[in-house]
Amino acid sequence: MRVSQAKRGLDVNCLANYRPISNLSFLSKTLEGYVDKELRYYLDINGYNDPFQNAYRPKHSTDTALERIHEDLMQAVDSRRGVLLVLLDLSAAFDTLHHSTLLRRLRAIGLSQTVLAWFMSYLVGRTNSIKIRDVTSAPVFIQHGVPQGRSYRSSTI
């Protein structure tokens, strides 16, 4: 397990500012790409995607989001309406997603038991540990967040 760089501006000596990462095997990357494509298609054809979501969508980016916000602000100002803008930093949103919540929501949108079982096998029972030089931390079960690359299964599961 490698450790990524700390986010810009955060204390590099505080281990809580780092996120564990690992490299994906070719097979894992290929399988995840296929699942991603199929899930996106399912969400699109069933109307589950918010039309204003820009992240993780083809032909949508922070640039298109900013253009939309700018246009909406300019229209409001031109119409002499009040404007309130609330900005949220969701850069770590996937780190806080509880696995049981994700699985419950996937079930609610109608994914089959087979697909749910695959997602469950991908999420449940994973552990992470961090190695710095010759010191490795004790494994910790991952209950939040989407695994970034290969995590290691506990031998007790």
Foldseek 3Di string as FASTA:
>chain_A
DAKDAFPPPDDRVDPVRIDDADDADPVVVVVVVVVLVVVVVLCVVLVNDDPLDQPPDPPRDVVVNVVVVVVVVVVCVVVVHDDDDDDDDCVCVQQAAFLVVVLVVVVVSPDDPVVSVVSCVQQPQFWDWYDDDHDIDDTDRRGTGHHRHDTDGDPVD
